[in-house]
Amino acid sequence: SAVEAMFSAMCECQALHPDPDDDDSDNDYEGEEYDVEARELEQGDIPSFYTYEEGLSHLTAEGQATLERLEGMLAQSVSTQYNMAGVRTEDSIREFE
């Protein structure tokens, strides 16, 4: 298809002309010996992982409000869901007719 051809062309172009400012490169292991500990220290600002229950207690007031808003949006979208990915389901077709 046209999309596959376009994707292949873009991949080939990226391979031939890599972005010099791209930090996520494939040559992390080239040059000096790769230091795992030094690499892990660079990622020291990764947020902590919390389970669902303990994570709720770490939310700020703004985070709590955002969570409530998103849960409300999710509940509303589930209750009004008549189709998936723009395709009518059998139930929505019957309601449409």
N, C-alpha and C. Protein backbone atom coordinates (compact mmCIF):
# COMPACT_ATOMS: atom_id res chain seq x y z
N SER A 1 0.83 -1.18 0.00
CA SER A 1 0.00 0.00 0.00
C SER A 1 0.87 1.25 0.00
N ALA A 2 0.26 2.38 -0.20
CA ALA A 2 0.98 3.65 -0.25
C ALA A 2 1.59 4.00 1.10
N VAL A 3 0.89 3.67 2.18
CA VAL A 3 1.39 3.98 3.52
C VAL A 3 2.65 3.17 3.81
N GLU A 4 2.64 1.89 3.43
CA GLU A 4 3.81 1.05 3.66
C GLU A 4 5.01 1.56 2.87
N ALA A 5 4.79 1.98 1.64
CA ALA A 5 5.88 2.50 0.81
C ALA A 5 6.43 3.79 1.42
N MET A 6 5.54 4.64 1.91
CA MET A 6 5.96 5.90 2.53
C MET A 6 6.76 5.62 3.81
N PHE A 7 6.29 4.68 4.61
CA PHE A 7 6.98 4.33 5.85
C PHE A 7 8.37 3.77 5.54
N SER A 8 8.47 2.90 4.56
CA SER A 8 9.76 2.33 4.18
C SER A 8 10.72 3.42 3.72
N ALA A 9 10.21 4.35 2.93
CA ALA A 9 11.05 5.44 2.44
C ALA A 9 11.53 6.32 3.60
N MET A 10 10.66 6.58 4.56
CA MET A 10 11.04 7.40 5.71
C MET A 10 12.08 6.69 6.57
N CYS A 11 11.93 5.38 6.75
CA CYS A 11 12.90 4.60 7.53
C CYS A 11 14.26 4.61 6.86
N GLU A 12 14.26 4.43 5.54
CA GLU A 12 15.51 4.43 4.79
C GLU A 12 16.18 5.80 4.87
N CYS A 13 15.40 6.85 4.76
CA CYS A 13 15.92 8.21 4.85
C CYS A 13 16.52 8.46 6.24
N GLN A 14 15.84 8.02 7.28
CA GLN A 14 16.33 8.19 8.65
C GLN A 14 17.64 7.44 8.85
N ALA A 15 17.74 6.24 8.27
CA ALA A 15 18.97 5.46 8.40
C ALA A 15 20.13 6.14 7.68
N LEU A 16 19.85 6.76 6.54
CA LEU A 16 20.89 7.42 5.77
C LEU A 16 21.27 8.79 6.33
N HIS A 17 20.31 9.45 6.98
CA HIS A 17 20.53 10.81 7.50
C HIS A 17 20.07 10.89 8.95
N PRO A 18 20.81 10.28 9.89
CA PRO A 18 20.39 10.30 11.30
C PRO A 18 20.46 11.70 11.88
N ASP A 19 19.62 11.96 12.86
CA ASP A 19 19.57 13.25 13.54
C ASP A 19 20.75 13.32 14.52
N PRO A 20 21.68 14.26 14.34
CA PRO A 20 22.84 14.33 15.24
C PRO A 20 22.46 14.74 16.66
N ASP A 21 21.31 15.37 16.84
CA ASP A 21 20.87 15.80 18.17
C ASP A 21 20.04 14.75 18.88
N ASP A 22 19.83 13.60 18.26
CA ASP A 22 19.00 12.54 18.83
C ASP A 22 19.78 11.83 19.93
N ASP A 23 19.31 11.95 21.18
CA ASP A 23 19.97 11.29 22.31
C ASP A 23 19.70 9.80 22.34
N ASP A 24 18.61 9.37 21.77
CA ASP A 24 18.22 7.97 21.78
C ASP A 24 18.84 7.28 20.57
N SER A 25 20.13 7.11 20.59
CA SER A 25 20.81 6.57 19.43
C SER A 25 21.18 5.11 19.63
N ASP A 26 21.55 4.49 18.53
CA ASP A 26 21.93 3.08 18.58
C ASP A 26 23.40 2.89 18.94
N ASN A 27 24.16 3.96 19.03
CA ASN A 27 25.59 3.81 19.30
C ASN A 27 25.94 4.07 20.76
N ASP A 28 25.08 3.67 21.69
CA ASP A 28 25.35 3.82 23.10
C ASP A 28 26.54 2.97 23.53
N TYR A 29 26.80 1.90 22.83
CA TYR A 29 27.83 0.95 23.22
C TYR A 29 29.15 1.17 22.48
N GLU A 30 29.23 2.16 21.61
CA GLU A 30 30.44 2.40 20.84
C GLU A 30 31.40 3.27 21.63
N GLY A 31 32.67 3.24 21.26
CA GLY A 31 33.66 4.09 21.90
C GLY A 31 34.15 3.47 23.19
N GLU A 32 34.15 4.27 24.26
CA GLU A 32 34.64 3.79 25.54
C GLU A 32 33.73 2.69 26.07
N GLU A 33 34.25 1.99 27.09
CA GLU A 33 33.48 0.90 27.68
C GLU A 33 32.16 1.44 28.23
N TYR A 34 31.11 0.71 28.00
CA TYR A 34 29.78 1.12 28.44
C TYR A 34 29.68 0.96 29.95
N ASP A 35 29.34 2.02 30.67
CA ASP A 35 29.24 2.01 32.12
C ASP A 35 27.77 2.02 32.52
N VAL A 36 27.29 0.87 32.98
CA VAL A 36 25.88 0.72 33.32
C VAL A 36 25.49 1.65 34.46
N GLU A 37 26.32 1.72 35.50
CA GLU A 37 25.99 2.55 36.65
C GLU A 37 25.92 4.03 36.27
N ALA A 38 26.84 4.49 35.45
CA ALA A 38 26.80 5.89 35.02
C ALA A 38 25.55 6.16 34.21
N ARG A 39 25.16 5.22 33.39
CA ARG A 39 23.97 5.37 32.56
C ARG A 39 22.72 5.43 33.44
N GLU A 40 22.68 4.60 34.49
CA GLU A 40 21.53 4.60 35.39
C GLU A 40 21.45 5.89 36.18
N LEU A 41 22.58 6.48 36.54
CA LEU A 41 22.59 7.73 37.29
C LEU A 41 22.01 8.87 36.46
N GLU A 42 22.17 8.82 35.15
CA GLU A 42 21.61 9.84 34.28
C GLU A 42 20.09 9.84 34.33
N GLN A 43 19.51 8.72 34.74
CA GLN A 43 18.06 8.59 34.76
C GLN A 43 17.53 8.71 36.18
N GLY A 44 18.20 9.49 37.01
CA GLY A 44 17.83 9.61 38.41
C GLY A 44 16.53 10.35 38.65
N ASP A 45 16.03 11.07 37.67
CA ASP A 45 14.81 11.84 37.88
C ASP A 45 13.56 11.09 37.45
N ILE A 46 13.66 9.79 37.25
CA ILE A 46 12.48 9.00 36.90
C ILE A 46 11.57 8.95 38.12
N PRO A 47 10.29 9.25 37.96
CA PRO A 47 9.39 9.26 39.12
C PRO A 47 9.23 7.87 39.71
N SER A 48 8.92 7.83 40.99
CA SER A 48 8.72 6.56 41.67
C SER A 48 7.47 5.88 41.16
N PHE A 49 7.47 4.56 41.25
CA PHE A 49 6.30 3.78 40.84
C PHE A 49 5.49 3.45 42.08
N TYR A 50 4.20 3.67 42.02
CA TYR A 50 3.32 3.35 43.13
C TYR A 50 2.23 2.42 42.64
N THR A 51 1.77 1.55 43.53
CA THR A 51 0.60 0.75 43.19
C THR A 51 -0.62 1.66 43.26
N TYR A 52 -1.76 1.17 42.81
CA TYR A 52 -2.96 1.98 42.75
C TYR A 52 -3.30 2.58 44.12
N GLU A 53 -3.35 1.73 45.14
CA GLU A 53 -3.79 2.20 46.46
C GLU A 53 -2.81 3.20 47.07
N GLU A 54 -1.52 2.89 47.08
CA GLU A 54 -0.58 3.80 47.70
C GLU A 54 -0.34 5.04 46.85
N GLY A 55 -0.55 4.94 45.55
CA GLY A 55 -0.36 6.07 44.66
C GLY A 55 -1.36 7.18 44.90
N LEU A 56 -2.58 6.83 45.29
CA LEU A 56 -3.61 7.83 45.53
C LEU A 56 -3.22 8.77 46.67
N SER A 57 -2.53 8.25 47.67
CA SER A 57 -2.16 9.10 48.80
C SER A 57 -1.05 10.08 48.43
N HIS A 58 -0.35 9.86 47.32
CA HIS A 58 0.74 10.75 46.90
C HIS A 58 0.28 11.82 45.92
N LEU A 59 -1.00 11.83 45.56
CA LEU A 59 -1.50 12.82 44.61
C LEU A 59 -1.64 14.19 45.28
N THR A 60 -1.28 15.22 44.54
CA THR A 60 -1.51 16.58 45.02
C THR A 60 -3.00 16.89 44.81
N ALA A 61 -3.43 18.04 45.28
CA ALA A 61 -4.83 18.44 45.09
C ALA A 61 -5.13 18.56 43.60
N GLU A 62 -4.17 19.10 42.85
CA GLU A 62 -4.35 19.22 41.40
C GLU A 62 -4.40 17.84 40.74
N GLY A 63 -3.55 16.93 41.21
CA GLY A 63 -3.55 15.57 40.67
C GLY A 63 -4.86 14.85 40.97
N GLN A 64 -5.38 15.06 42.18
CA GLN A 64 -6.66 14.44 42.56
C GLN A 64 -7.79 14.97 41.69
N ALA A 65 -7.79 16.29 41.43
CA ALA A 65 -8.83 16.89 40.58
C ALA A 65 -8.71 16.35 39.15
N THR A 66 -7.49 16.21 38.67
CA THR A 66 -7.28 15.66 37.32
C THR A 66 -7.77 14.23 37.24
N LEU A 67 -7.46 13.43 38.27
CA LEU A 67 -7.90 12.04 38.30
C LEU A 67 -9.42 11.96 38.27
N GLU A 68 -10.09 12.78 39.07
CA GLU A 68 -11.55 12.77 39.09
C GLU A 68 -12.13 13.18 37.74
N ARG A 69 -11.51 14.18 37.11
CA ARG A 69 -11.98 14.63 35.79
C ARG A 69 -11.81 13.52 34.75
N LEU A 70 -10.65 12.86 34.76
CA LEU A 70 -10.40 11.79 33.79
C LEU A 70 -11.31 10.59 34.02
N GLU A 71 -11.53 10.24 35.30
CA GLU A 71 -12.43 9.14 35.59
C GLU A 71 -13.85 9.46 35.13
N GLY A 72 -14.27 10.72 35.29
CA GLY A 72 -15.59 11.14 34.82
C GLY A 72 -15.69 11.06 33.31
N MET A 73 -14.63 11.49 32.62
CA MET A 73 -14.62 11.41 31.15
C MET A 73 -14.67 9.95 30.69
N LEU A 74 -13.94 9.08 31.38
CA LEU A 74 -13.93 7.67 31.02
C LEU A 74 -15.31 7.05 31.24
N ALA A 75 -15.93 7.36 32.37
CA ALA A 75 -17.25 6.82 32.65
C ALA A 75 -18.26 7.29 31.62
N GLN A 76 -18.16 8.55 31.22
CA GLN A 76 -19.08 9.10 30.22
C GLN A 76 -18.85 8.44 28.86
N SER A 77 -17.60 8.23 28.48
CA SER A 77 -17.32 7.64 27.17
C SER A 77 -17.76 6.19 27.11
N VAL A 78 -17.65 5.48 28.22
CA VAL A 78 -18.09 4.08 28.24
C VAL A 78 -19.60 4.00 28.16
N SER A 79 -20.29 4.91 28.84
CA SER A 79 -21.76 4.86 28.84
C SER A 79 -22.35 5.29 27.50
N THR A 80 -21.63 6.08 26.72
CA THR A 80 -22.16 6.54 25.43
C THR A 80 -21.46 5.90 24.24
N GLN A 81 -20.77 4.81 24.49
CA GLN A 81 -20.00 4.18 23.41
C GLN A 81 -20.93 3.35 22.52
N TYR A 82 -21.04 3.78 21.26
CA TYR A 82 -21.88 3.07 20.31
C TYR A 82 -21.06 2.45 19.19
N ASN A 83 -19.84 2.88 19.02
CA ASN A 83 -19.01 2.32 17.97
C ASN A 83 -17.57 2.30 18.41
N MET A 84 -16.78 1.54 17.68
CA MET A 84 -15.37 1.44 17.99
C MET A 84 -14.59 1.83 16.75
N ALA A 85 -13.68 2.75 16.89
CA ALA A 85 -12.80 3.19 15.80
C ALA A 85 -13.60 3.66 14.60
N GLY A 86 -14.73 4.30 14.85
CA GLY A 86 -15.52 4.84 13.75
C GLY A 86 -16.36 3.81 13.02
N VAL A 87 -16.38 2.57 13.48
CA VAL A 87 -17.15 1.52 12.83
C VAL A 87 -18.36 1.23 13.69
N ARG A 88 -19.51 1.25 13.09
CA ARG A 88 -20.73 1.00 13.86
C ARG A 88 -20.79 -0.46 14.28
N THR A 89 -21.16 -0.66 15.53
CA THR A 89 -21.38 -2.02 16.01
C THR A 89 -22.81 -2.42 15.68
N GLU A 90 -23.13 -3.68 15.87
CA GLU A 90 -24.49 -4.14 15.55
C GLU A 90 -25.52 -3.39 16.38
N ASP A 91 -25.22 -3.12 17.66
CA ASP A 91 -26.16 -2.40 18.51
C ASP A 91 -26.40 -0.98 18.01
N SER A 92 -25.33 -0.30 17.58
CA SER A 92 -25.50 1.07 17.13
C SER A 92 -26.22 1.12 15.79
N ILE A 93 -26.05 0.11 14.95
CA ILE A 93 -26.76 0.07 13.67
C ILE A 93 -28.26 -0.07 13.91
N ARG A 94 -28.63 -0.94 14.86
CA ARG A 94 -30.05 -1.12 15.17
C ARG A 94 -30.65 0.17 15.72
N GLU A 95 -29.90 0.87 16.58
CA GLU A 95 -30.40 2.12 17.15
C GLU A 95 -30.49 3.21 16.09
N PHE A 96 -29.60 3.18 15.09
CA PHE A 96 -29.58 4.19 14.04
C PHE A 96 -30.76 4.03 13.10
N GLU A 97 -31.20 2.79 12.88
CA GLU A 97 -32.27 2.52 11.91
C GLU A 97 -33.62 2.87 12.42
